[in-house]
Amino acid sequence: MEKQVYEVDEEGYLKEIYVEKIDENGNILNESLKHLITLDIPQGFYRPKWDINKWVEGESVREKADREAQQLLDSLKPSPSEIANAELEIKFITMLTELEVI
């Protein structure tokens, strides 16, 4: 049987995801890989970390604040189509002003 397994580094942070063969007892047959976890990572973690017997959120408070601030900044940036529409509107207003329509 094959299963998705998770390799973690020495600190427990997710390093790589593999699909490996496991036996009926849940043991991974490929012994060359180290630090493999067979328990699936729950959804919603930004930086999964293996904490001896369970997955936890490894993102620090500072990292979370930085990520959320960056997401806010990214959401305030205009999209390429919004920029193109604004440039077109400026050209249109400039043209109307030059023609003394407005």
PDB file of N, CA and C in Angstrom:
ATOM      1  N   MET A   1       0.845  -1.175   0.000  1.00  0.00           N
ATOM      2  CA  MET A   1       0.000   0.000   0.000  1.00  0.00           C
ATOM      3  C   MET A   1       0.895   1.245   0.000  1.00  0.00           C
ATOM      4  N   GLU A   2       0.454   2.287  -0.684  1.00  0.00           N
ATOM      5  CA  GLU A   2       1.205   3.541  -0.708  1.00  0.00           C
ATOM      6  C   GLU A   2       0.476   4.607   0.093  1.00  0.00           C
ATOM      7  N   LYS A   3       1.247   5.479   0.704  1.00  0.00           N
ATOM      8  CA  LYS A   3       0.688   6.543   1.539  1.00  0.00           C
ATOM      9  C   LYS A   3       1.574   7.776   1.444  1.00  0.00           C
ATOM     10  N   GLN A   4       0.945   8.915   1.566  1.00  0.00           N
ATOM     11  CA  GLN A   4       1.702  10.166   1.625  1.00  0.00           C
ATOM     12  C   GLN A   4       2.356  10.239   2.999  1.00  0.00           C
ATOM     13  N   VAL A   5       3.667  10.517   3.017  1.00  0.00           N
ATOM     14  CA  VAL A   5       4.406  10.650   4.269  1.00  0.00           C
ATOM     15  C   VAL A   5       5.160  11.967   4.250  1.00  0.00           C
ATOM     16  N   TYR A   6       5.551  12.425   5.416  1.00  0.00           N
ATOM     17  CA  TYR A   6       6.119  13.760   5.566  1.00  0.00           C
ATOM     18  C   TYR A   6       7.493  13.678   6.211  1.00  0.00           C
ATOM     19  N   GLU A   7       8.480  14.254   5.539  1.00  0.00           N
ATOM     20  CA  GLU A   7       9.818  14.320   6.098  1.00  0.00           C
ATOM     21  C   GLU A   7       9.956  15.639   6.849  1.00  0.00           C
ATOM     22  N   VAL A   8      10.495  15.572   8.043  1.00  0.00           N
ATOM     23  CA  VAL A   8      10.711  16.778   8.842  1.00  0.00           C
ATOM     24  C   VAL A   8      12.210  16.947   9.100  1.00  0.00           C
ATOM     25  N   ASP A   9      12.606  18.186   9.338  1.00  0.00           N
ATOM     26  CA  ASP A   9      14.010  18.436   9.664  1.00  0.00           C
ATOM     27  C   ASP A   9      14.254  18.165  11.149  1.00  0.00           C
ATOM     28  N   GLU A  10      15.455  18.452  11.616  1.00  0.00           N
ATOM     29  CA  GLU A  10      15.827  18.163  13.007  1.00  0.00           C
ATOM     30  C   GLU A  10      14.987  18.931  14.019  1.00  0.00           C
ATOM     31  N   GLU A  11      14.417  20.071  13.607  1.00  0.00           N
ATOM     32  CA  GLU A  11      13.592  20.869  14.505  1.00  0.00           C
ATOM     33  C   GLU A  11      12.115  20.491  14.417  1.00  0.00           C
ATOM     34  N   GLY A  12      11.778  19.599  13.488  1.00  0.00           N
ATOM     35  CA  GLY A  12      10.398  19.150  13.353  1.00  0.00           C
ATOM     36  C   GLY A  12       9.604  19.839  12.264  1.00  0.00           C
ATOM     37  N   TYR A  13      10.215  20.783  11.548  1.00  0.00           N
ATOM     38  CA  TYR A  13       9.500  21.506  10.498  1.00  0.00           C
ATOM     39  C   TYR A  13       9.412  20.663   9.224  1.00  0.00           C
ATOM     40  N   LEU A  14       8.292  20.781   8.533  1.00  0.00           N
ATOM     41  CA  LEU A  14       8.073  20.041   7.305  1.00  0.00           C
ATOM     42  C   LEU A  14       9.160  20.370   6.298  1.00  0.00           C
ATOM     43  N   LYS A  15       9.764  19.321   5.751  1.00  0.00           N
ATOM     44  CA  LYS A  15      10.850  19.491   4.800  1.00  0.00           C
ATOM     45  C   LYS A  15      10.424  19.047   3.403  1.00  0.00           C
ATOM     46  N   GLU A  16       9.783  17.871   3.299  1.00  0.00           N
ATOM     47  CA  GLU A  16       9.424  17.300   1.999  1.00  0.00           C
ATOM     48  C   GLU A  16       8.243  16.356   2.178  1.00  0.00           C
ATOM     49  N   ILE A  17       7.479  16.188   1.113  1.00  0.00           N
ATOM     50  CA  ILE A  17       6.353  15.247   1.112  1.00  0.00           C
ATOM     51  C   ILE A  17       6.657  14.175   0.075  1.00  0.00           C
ATOM     52  N   TYR A  18       6.459  12.910   0.464  1.00  0.00           N
ATOM     53  CA  TYR A  18       6.704  11.771  -0.421  1.00  0.00           C
ATOM     54  C   TYR A  18       5.468  10.869  -0.440  1.00  0.00           C
ATOM     55  N   VAL A  19       5.419  10.009  -1.430  1.00  0.00           N
ATOM     56  CA  VAL A  19       4.474   8.897  -1.439  1.00  0.00           C
ATOM     57  C   VAL A  19       5.327   7.650  -1.336  1.00  0.00           C
ATOM     58  N   GLU A  20       5.144   6.901  -0.248  1.00  0.00           N
ATOM     59  CA  GLU A  20       5.980   5.734   0.025  1.00  0.00           C
ATOM     60  C   GLU A  20       5.124   4.503   0.285  1.00  0.00           C
ATOM     61  N   LYS A  21       5.726   3.347   0.076  1.00  0.00           N
ATOM     62  CA  LYS A  21       5.066   2.080   0.381  1.00  0.00           C
ATOM     63  C   LYS A  21       5.159   1.831   1.873  1.00  0.00           C
ATOM     64  N   ILE A  22       4.044   1.389   2.447  1.00  0.00           N
ATOM     65  CA  ILE A  22       4.007   1.051   3.865  1.00  0.00           C
ATOM     66  C   ILE A  22       3.424  -0.348   4.013  1.00  0.00           C
ATOM     67  N   ASP A  23       3.782  -1.021   5.109  1.00  0.00           N
ATOM     68  CA  ASP A  23       3.244  -2.354   5.341  1.00  0.00           C
ATOM     69  C   ASP A  23       1.909  -2.261   6.075  1.00  0.00           C
ATOM     70  N   GLU A  24       1.323  -3.419   6.387  1.00  0.00           N
ATOM     71  CA  GLU A  24      -0.004  -3.453   7.026  1.00  0.00           C
ATOM     72  C   GLU A  24      -0.003  -2.875   8.432  1.00  0.00           C
ATOM     73  N   ASN A  25       1.181  -2.714   9.041  1.00  0.00           N
ATOM     74  CA  ASN A  25       1.288  -2.119  10.379  1.00  0.00           C
ATOM     75  C   ASN A  25       1.554  -0.618  10.327  1.00  0.00           C
ATOM     76  N   GLY A  26       1.641  -0.055   9.111  1.00  0.00           N
ATOM     77  CA  GLY A  26       1.889   1.368   8.961  1.00  0.00           C
ATOM     78  C   GLY A  26       3.356   1.741   8.957  1.00  0.00           C
ATOM     79  N   ASN A  27       4.231   0.743   8.863  1.00  0.00           N
ATOM     80  CA  ASN A  27       5.674   1.004   8.832  1.00  0.00           C
ATOM     81  C   ASN A  27       6.113   1.319   7.408  1.00  0.00           C
ATOM     82  N   ILE A  28       6.967   2.316   7.264  1.00  0.00           N
ATOM     83  CA  ILE A  28       7.475   2.721   5.955  1.00  0.00           C
ATOM     84  C   ILE A  28       8.546   1.723   5.519  1.00  0.00           C
ATOM     85  N   LEU A  29       8.421   1.227   4.297  1.00  0.00           N
ATOM     86  CA  LEU A  29       9.334   0.200   3.808  1.00  0.00           C
ATOM     87  C   LEU A  29      10.677   0.774   3.352  1.00  0.00           C
ATOM     88  N   ASN A  30      10.713   2.020   2.924  1.00  0.00           N
ATOM     89  CA  ASN A  30      11.952   2.655   2.472  1.00  0.00           C
ATOM     90  C   ASN A  30      12.708   3.156   3.700  1.00  0.00           C
ATOM     91  N   GLU A  31      13.740   2.422   4.089  1.00  0.00           N
ATOM     92  CA  GLU A  31      14.488   2.770   5.299  1.00  0.00           C
ATOM     93  C   GLU A  31      15.563   3.822   5.062  1.00  0.00           C
ATOM     94  N   SER A  32      15.769   4.218   3.805  1.00  0.00           N
ATOM     95  CA  SER A  32      16.815   5.199   3.510  1.00  0.00           C
ATOM     96  C   SER A  32      16.387   6.618   3.883  1.00  0.00           C
ATOM     97  N   LEU A  33      15.074   6.852   3.952  1.00  0.00           N
ATOM     98  CA  LEU A  33      14.582   8.178   4.332  1.00  0.00           C
ATOM     99  C   LEU A  33      14.477   8.273   5.850  1.00  0.00           C
ATOM    100  N   LYS A  34      14.872   9.396   6.391  1.00  0.00           N
ATOM    101  CA  LYS A  34      14.858   9.607   7.850  1.00  0.00           C
ATOM    102  C   LYS A  34      13.805  10.643   8.222  1.00  0.00           C
ATOM    103  N   HIS A  35      13.385  10.597   9.452  1.00  0.00           N
ATOM    104  CA  HIS A  35      12.456  11.569  10.022  1.00  0.00           C
ATOM    105  C   HIS A  35      11.140  11.631   9.228  1.00  0.00           C
ATOM    106  N   LEU A  36      10.544  10.482   8.971  1.00  0.00           N
ATOM    107  CA  LEU A  36       9.289  10.449   8.225  1.00  0.00           C
ATOM    108  C   LEU A  36       8.116  10.279   9.180  1.00  0.00           C
ATOM    109  N   ILE A  37       7.062  11.023   8.905  1.00  0.00           N
ATOM    110  CA  ILE A  37       5.845  10.987   9.704  1.00  0.00           C
ATOM    111  C   ILE A  37       4.721  10.503   8.795  1.00  0.00           C
ATOM    112  N   THR A  38       3.939   9.547   9.278  1.00  0.00           N
ATOM    113  CA  THR A  38       2.830   9.029   8.465  1.00  0.00           C
ATOM    114  C   THR A  38       1.499   9.701   8.796  1.00  0.00           C
ATOM    115  N   LEU A  39       1.413  10.367   9.934  1.00  0.00           N
ATOM    116  CA  LEU A  39       0.175  11.037  10.332  1.00  0.00           C
ATOM    117  C   LEU A  39      -0.035  12.269   9.451  1.00  0.00           C
ATOM    118  N   ASP A  40      -1.199  12.356   8.808  1.00  0.00           N
ATOM    119  CA  ASP A  40      -1.476  13.482   7.906  1.00  0.00           C
ATOM    120  C   ASP A  40      -1.511  14.807   8.655  1.00  0.00           C
ATOM    121  N   ILE A  41      -1.073  15.851   7.952  1.00  0.00           N
ATOM    122  CA  ILE A  41      -1.064  17.198   8.513  1.00  0.00           C
ATOM    123  C   ILE A  41      -2.479  17.767   8.454  1.00  0.00           C
ATOM    124  N   PRO A  42      -3.022  18.243   9.584  1.00  0.00           N
ATOM    125  CA  PRO A  42      -4.343  18.879   9.538  1.00  0.00           C
ATOM    126  C   PRO A  42      -4.309  20.133   8.666  1.00  0.00           C
ATOM    127  N   GLN A  43      -5.409  20.444   8.044  1.00  0.00           N
ATOM    128  CA  GLN A  43      -5.486  21.633   7.195  1.00  0.00           C
ATOM    129  C   GLN A  43      -5.428  22.892   8.053  1.00  0.00           C
ATOM    130  N   GLY A  44      -4.916  23.961   7.441  1.00  0.00           N
ATOM    131  CA  GLY A  44      -4.926  25.257   8.097  1.00  0.00           C
ATOM    132  C   GLY A  44      -3.596  25.708   8.660  1.00  0.00           C
ATOM    133  N   PHE A  45      -2.596  24.830   8.684  1.00  0.00           N
ATOM    134  CA  PHE A  45      -1.287  25.241   9.187  1.00  0.00           C
ATOM    135  C   PHE A  45      -0.507  25.950   8.091  1.00  0.00           C
ATOM    136  N   TYR A  46       0.123  27.067   8.434  1.00  0.00           N
ATOM    137  CA  TYR A  46       0.964  27.787   7.487  1.00  0.00           C
ATOM    138  C   TYR A  46       2.380  27.243   7.510  1.00  0.00           C
ATOM    139  N   ARG A  47       2.820  26.787   8.675  1.00  0.00           N
ATOM    140  CA  ARG A  47       4.168  26.225   8.812  1.00  0.00           C
ATOM    141  C   ARG A  47       4.086  25.003   9.735  1.00  0.00           C
ATOM    142  N   PRO A  48       3.682  23.859   9.163  1.00  0.00           N
ATOM    143  CA  PRO A  48       3.513  22.659   9.988  1.00  0.00           C
ATOM    144  C   PRO A  48       4.806  22.249  10.684  1.00  0.00           C
ATOM    145  N   LYS A  49       4.643  21.823  11.934  1.00  0.00           N
ATOM    146  CA  LYS A  49       5.791  21.357  12.715  1.00  0.00           C
ATOM    147  C   LYS A  49       5.365  20.113  13.482  1.00  0.00           C
ATOM    148  N   TRP A  50       6.217  19.090  13.457  1.00  0.00           N
ATOM    149  CA  TRP A  50       5.956  17.857  14.190  1.00  0.00           C
ATOM    150  C   TRP A  50       6.475  18.036  15.610  1.00  0.00           C
ATOM    151  N   ASP A  51       5.576  17.861  16.576  1.00  0.00           N
ATOM    152  CA  ASP A  51       5.912  18.074  17.984  1.00  0.00           C
ATOM    153  C   ASP A  51       5.818  16.742  18.732  1.00  0.00           C
ATOM    154  N   ILE A  52       6.745  15.871  18.523  1.00  0.00           N
ATOM    155  CA  ILE A  52       6.888  14.544  19.126  1.00  0.00           C
ATOM    156  C   ILE A  52       5.772  13.570  18.753  1.00  0.00           C
ATOM    157  N   ASN A  53       4.496  13.954  18.921  1.00  0.00           N
ATOM    158  CA  ASN A  53       3.423  13.018  18.595  1.00  0.00           C
ATOM    159  C   ASN A  53       2.232  13.654  17.876  1.00  0.00           C
ATOM    160  N   LYS A  54       2.369  14.918  17.484  1.00  0.00           N
ATOM    161  CA  LYS A  54       1.269  15.578  16.775  1.00  0.00           C
ATOM    162  C   LYS A  54       1.809  16.748  15.953  1.00  0.00           C
ATOM    163  N   TRP A  55       1.011  17.173  14.956  1.00  0.00           N
ATOM    164  CA  TRP A  55       1.343  18.348  14.158  1.00  0.00           C
ATOM    165  C   TRP A  55       0.847  19.583  14.889  1.00  0.00           C
ATOM    166  N   VAL A  56       1.663  20.621  14.908  1.00  0.00           N
ATOM    167  CA  VAL A  56       1.302  21.903  15.515  1.00  0.00           C
ATOM    168  C   VAL A  56       1.641  23.006  14.522  1.00  0.00           C
ATOM    169  N   GLU A  57       1.137  24.205  14.788  1.00  0.00           N
ATOM    170  CA  GLU A  57       1.487  25.369  13.979  1.00  0.00           C
ATOM    171  C   GLU A  57       2.878  25.825  14.391  1.00  0.00           C
ATOM    172  N   GLY A  58       3.813  25.818  13.445  1.00  0.00           N
ATOM    173  CA  GLY A  58       5.180  26.220  13.737  1.00  0.00           C
ATOM    174  C   GLY A  58       5.452  27.687  13.465  1.00  0.00           C
ATOM    175  N   GLU A  59       4.466  28.384  12.921  1.00  0.00           N
ATOM    176  CA  GLU A  59       4.640  29.806  12.612  1.00  0.00           C
ATOM    177  C   GLU A  59       4.607  30.605  13.912  1.00  0.00           C
ATOM    178  N   SER A  60       5.630  31.426  14.128  1.00  0.00           N
ATOM    179  CA  SER A  60       5.687  32.240  15.340  1.00  0.00           C
ATOM    180  C   SER A  60       4.686  33.393  15.241  1.00  0.00           C
ATOM    181  N   VAL A  61       4.446  34.049  16.351  1.00  0.00           N
ATOM    182  CA  VAL A  61       3.552  35.211  16.383  1.00  0.00           C
ATOM    183  C   VAL A  61       4.083  36.297  15.459  1.00  0.00           C
ATOM    184  N   ARG A  62       5.398  36.501  15.468  1.00  0.00           N
ATOM    185  CA  ARG A  62       6.032  37.509  14.613  1.00  0.00           C
ATOM    186  C   ARG A  62       5.874  37.154  13.131  1.00  0.00           C
ATOM    187  N   GLU A  63       6.114  35.879  12.799  1.00  0.00           N
ATOM    188  CA  GLU A  63       5.961  35.433  11.411  1.00  0.00           C
ATOM    189  C   GLU A  63       4.521  35.599  10.941  1.00  0.00           C
ATOM    190  N   LYS A  64       3.573  35.285  11.813  1.00  0.00           N
ATOM    191  CA  LYS A  64       2.156  35.430  11.460  1.00  0.00           C
ATOM    192  C   LYS A  64       1.816  36.899  11.218  1.00  0.00           C
ATOM    193  N   ALA A  65       2.292  37.784  12.091  1.00  0.00           N
ATOM    194  CA  ALA A  65       2.020  39.214  11.936  1.00  0.00           C
ATOM    195  C   ALA A  65       2.634  39.738  10.631  1.00  0.00           C
ATOM    196  N   ASP A  66       3.860  39.309  10.337  1.00  0.00           N
ATOM    197  CA  ASP A  66       4.515  39.721   9.084  1.00  0.00           C
ATOM    198  C   ASP A  66       3.745  39.218   7.866  1.00  0.00           C
ATOM    199  N   ARG A  67       3.308  37.945   7.906  1.00  0.00           N
ATOM    200  CA  ARG A  67       2.567  37.369   6.783  1.00  0.00           C
ATOM    201  C   ARG A  67       1.244  38.099   6.576  1.00  0.00           C
ATOM    202  N   GLU A  68       0.529  38.364   7.672  1.00  0.00           N
ATOM    203  CA  GLU A  68      -0.754  39.052   7.557  1.00  0.00           C
ATOM    204  C   GLU A  68      -0.582  40.486   7.069  1.00  0.00           C
ATOM    205  N   ALA A  69       0.489  41.157   7.503  1.00  0.00           N
ATOM    206  CA  ALA A  69       0.756  42.518   7.029  1.00  0.00           C
ATOM    207  C   ALA A  69       1.054  42.506   5.532  1.00  0.00           C
ATOM    208  N   GLN A  70       1.833  41.527   5.090  1.00  0.00           N
ATOM    209  CA  GLN A  70       2.148  41.420   3.664  1.00  0.00           C
ATOM    210  C   GLN A  70       0.891  41.116   2.854  1.00  0.00           C
ATOM    211  N   GLN A  71       0.029  40.239   3.380  1.00  0.00           N
ATOM    212  CA  GLN A  71      -1.221  39.934   2.686  1.00  0.00           C
ATOM    213  C   GLN A  71      -2.097  41.185   2.562  1.00  0.00           C
ATOM    214  N   LEU A  72      -2.112  42.009   3.602  1.00  0.00           N
ATOM    215  CA  LEU A  72      -2.884  43.249   3.562  1.00  0.00           C
ATOM    216  C   LEU A  72      -2.311  44.192   2.507  1.00  0.00           C
ATOM    217  N   LEU A  73      -0.989  44.337   2.484  1.00  0.00           N
ATOM    218  CA  LEU A  73      -0.357  45.188   1.475  1.00  0.00           C
ATOM    219  C   LEU A  73      -0.647  44.685   0.069  1.00  0.00           C
ATOM    220  N   ASP A  74      -0.559  43.369  -0.116  1.00  0.00           N
ATOM    221  CA  ASP A  74      -0.833  42.780  -1.428  1.00  0.00           C
ATOM    222  C   ASP A  74      -2.272  43.023  -1.855  1.00  0.00           C
ATOM    223  N   SER A  75      -3.200  42.999  -0.896  1.00  0.00           N
ATOM    224  CA  SER A  75      -4.613  43.202  -1.239  1.00  0.00           C
ATOM    225  C   SER A  75      -4.905  44.658  -1.619  1.00  0.00           C
ATOM    226  N   LEU A  76      -4.051  45.586  -1.184  1.00  0.00           N
ATOM    227  CA  LEU A  76      -4.257  46.997  -1.496  1.00  0.00           C
ATOM    228  C   LEU A  76      -3.662  47.391  -2.847  1.00  0.00           C
ATOM    229  N   LYS A  77      -2.802  46.553  -3.401  1.00  0.00           N
ATOM    230  CA  LYS A  77      -2.195  46.852  -4.699  1.00  0.00           C
ATOM    231  C   LYS A  77      -3.245  46.687  -5.793  1.00  0.00           C
ATOM    232  N   PRO A  78      -3.293  47.645  -6.718  1.00  0.00           N
ATOM    233  CA  PRO A  78      -4.253  47.494  -7.824  1.00  0.00           C
ATOM    234  C   PRO A  78      -3.823  46.369  -8.761  1.00  0.00           C
ATOM    235  N   SER A  79      -4.812  45.730  -9.350  1.00  0.00           N
ATOM    236  CA  SER A  79      -4.530  44.656 -10.305  1.00  0.00           C
ATOM    237  C   SER A  79      -4.053  45.266 -11.621  1.00  0.00           C
ATOM    238  N   PRO A  80      -3.438  44.481 -12.482  1.00  0.00           N
ATOM    239  CA  PRO A  80      -3.015  45.000 -13.788  1.00  0.00           C
ATOM    240  C   PRO A  80      -4.177  45.582 -14.595  1.00  0.00           C
ATOM    241  N   SER A  81      -5.346  44.985 -14.509  1.00  0.00           N
ATOM    242  CA  SER A  81      -6.485  45.531 -15.259  1.00  0.00           C
ATOM    243  C   SER A  81      -6.954  46.853 -14.657  1.00  0.00           C
ATOM    244  N   GLU A  82      -6.874  46.995 -13.336  1.00  0.00           N
ATOM    245  CA  GLU A  82      -7.239  48.272 -12.713  1.00  0.00           C
ATOM    246  C   GLU A  82      -6.259  49.368 -13.124  1.00  0.00           C
ATOM    247  N   ILE A  83      -4.980  49.026 -13.208  1.00  0.00           N
ATOM    248  CA  ILE A  83      -3.970  49.997 -13.640  1.00  0.00           C
ATOM    249  C   ILE A  83      -4.214  50.399 -15.092  1.00  0.00           C
ATOM    250  N   ALA A  84      -4.488  49.422 -15.938  1.00  0.00           N
ATOM    251  CA  ALA A  84      -4.743  49.705 -17.357  1.00  0.00           C
ATOM    252  C   ALA A  84      -5.976  50.585 -17.511  1.00  0.00           C
ATOM    253  N   ASN A  85      -7.030  50.306 -16.754  1.00  0.00           N
ATOM    254  CA  ASN A  85      -8.249  51.125 -16.818  1.00  0.00           C
ATOM    255  C   ASN A  85      -7.982  52.552 -16.357  1.00  0.00           C
ATOM    256  N   ALA A  86      -7.179  52.712 -15.303  1.00  0.00           N
ATOM    257  CA  ALA A  86      -6.853  54.049 -14.810  1.00  0.00           C
ATOM    258  C   ALA A  86      -6.032  54.823 -15.839  1.00  0.00           C
ATOM    259  N   GLU A  87      -5.069  54.140 -16.481  1.00  0.00           N
ATOM    260  CA  GLU A  87      -4.261  54.803 -17.504  1.00  0.00           C
ATOM    261  C   GLU A  87      -5.125  55.238 -18.686  1.00  0.00           C
ATOM    262  N   LEU A  88      -6.067  54.401 -19.074  1.00  0.00           N
ATOM    263  CA  LEU A  88      -6.974  54.733 -20.171  1.00  0.00           C
ATOM    264  C   LEU A  88      -7.852  55.935 -19.798  1.00  0.00           C
ATOM    265  N   GLU A  89      -8.313  55.938 -18.573  1.00  0.00           N
ATOM    266  CA  GLU A  89      -9.146  57.052 -18.115  1.00  0.00           C
ATOM    267  C   GLU A  89      -8.343  58.356 -18.093  1.00  0.00           C
ATOM    268  N   ILE A  90      -7.088  58.308 -17.665  1.00  0.00           N
ATOM    269  CA  ILE A  90      -6.234  59.503 -17.657  1.00  0.00           C
ATOM    270  C   ILE A  90      -6.031  60.021 -19.081  1.00  0.00           C
ATOM    271  N   LYS A  91      -5.775  59.118 -20.025  1.00  0.00           N
ATOM    272  CA  LYS A  91      -5.610  59.528 -21.424  1.00  0.00           C
ATOM    273  C   LYS A  91      -6.887  60.170 -21.961  1.00  0.00           C
ATOM    274  N   PHE A  92      -8.016  59.593 -21.607  1.00  0.00           N
ATOM    275  CA  PHE A  92      -9.295  60.113 -22.067  1.00  0.00           C
ATOM    276  C   PHE A  92      -9.547  61.510 -21.501  1.00  0.00           C
ATOM    277  N   ILE A  93      -9.295  61.699 -20.213  1.00  0.00           N
ATOM    278  CA  ILE A  93      -9.487  63.004 -19.579  1.00  0.00           C
ATOM    279  C   ILE A  93      -8.500  64.022 -20.158  1.00  0.00           C
ATOM    280  N   THR A  94      -7.260  63.605 -20.388  1.00  0.00           N
ATOM    281  CA  THR A  94      -6.262  64.486 -21.003  1.00  0.00           C
ATOM    282  C   THR A  94      -6.706  64.941 -22.374  1.00  0.00           C
ATOM    283  N   MET A  95      -7.228  64.015 -23.171  1.00  0.00           N
ATOM    284  CA  MET A  95      -7.694  64.332 -24.503  1.00  0.00           C
ATOM    285  C   MET A  95      -8.867  65.301 -24.443  1.00  0.00           C
ATOM    286  N   LEU A  96      -9.812  65.064 -23.536  1.00  0.00           N
ATOM    287  CA  LEU A  96     -10.969  65.961 -23.416  1.00  0.00           C
ATOM    288  C   LEU A  96     -10.532  67.359 -22.963  1.00  0.00           C
ATOM    289  N   THR A  97      -9.514  67.410 -22.089  1.00  0.00           N
ATOM    290  CA  THR A  97      -9.011  68.693 -21.618  1.00  0.00           C
ATOM    291  C   THR A  97      -8.316  69.452 -22.747  1.00  0.00           C
ATOM    292  N   GLU A  98      -7.511  68.721 -23.557  1.00  0.00           N
ATOM    293  CA  GLU A  98      -6.828  69.358 -24.687  1.00  0.00           C
ATOM    294  C   GLU A  98      -7.811  69.882 -25.720  1.00  0.00           C
ATOM    295  N   LEU A  99      -8.917  69.193 -25.876  1.00  0.00           N
ATOM    296  CA  LEU A  99      -9.956  69.628 -26.827  1.00  0.00           C
ATOM    297  C   LEU A  99     -10.875  70.676 -26.207  1.00  0.00           C
ATOM    298  N   GLU A 100     -10.587  71.010 -24.943  1.00  0.00           N
ATOM    299  CA  GLU A 100     -11.339  72.010 -24.187  1.00  0.00           C
ATOM    300  C   GLU A 100     -12.812  71.623 -24.064  1.00  0.00           C
ATOM    301  N   VAL A 101     -13.071  70.310 -23.996  1.00  0.00           N
ATOM    302  CA  VAL A 101     -14.429  69.836 -23.763  1.00  0.00           C
ATOM    303  C   VAL A 101     -14.745  69.924 -22.278  1.00  0.00           C
ATOM    304  N   ILE A 102     -13.725  69.748 -21.466  1.00  0.00           N
ATOM    305  CA  ILE A 102     -13.939  69.892 -20.017  1.00  0.00           C
ATOM    306  C   ILE A 102     -12.960  70.897 -19.462  1.00  0.00           C
TER     307      ILE A 102
END
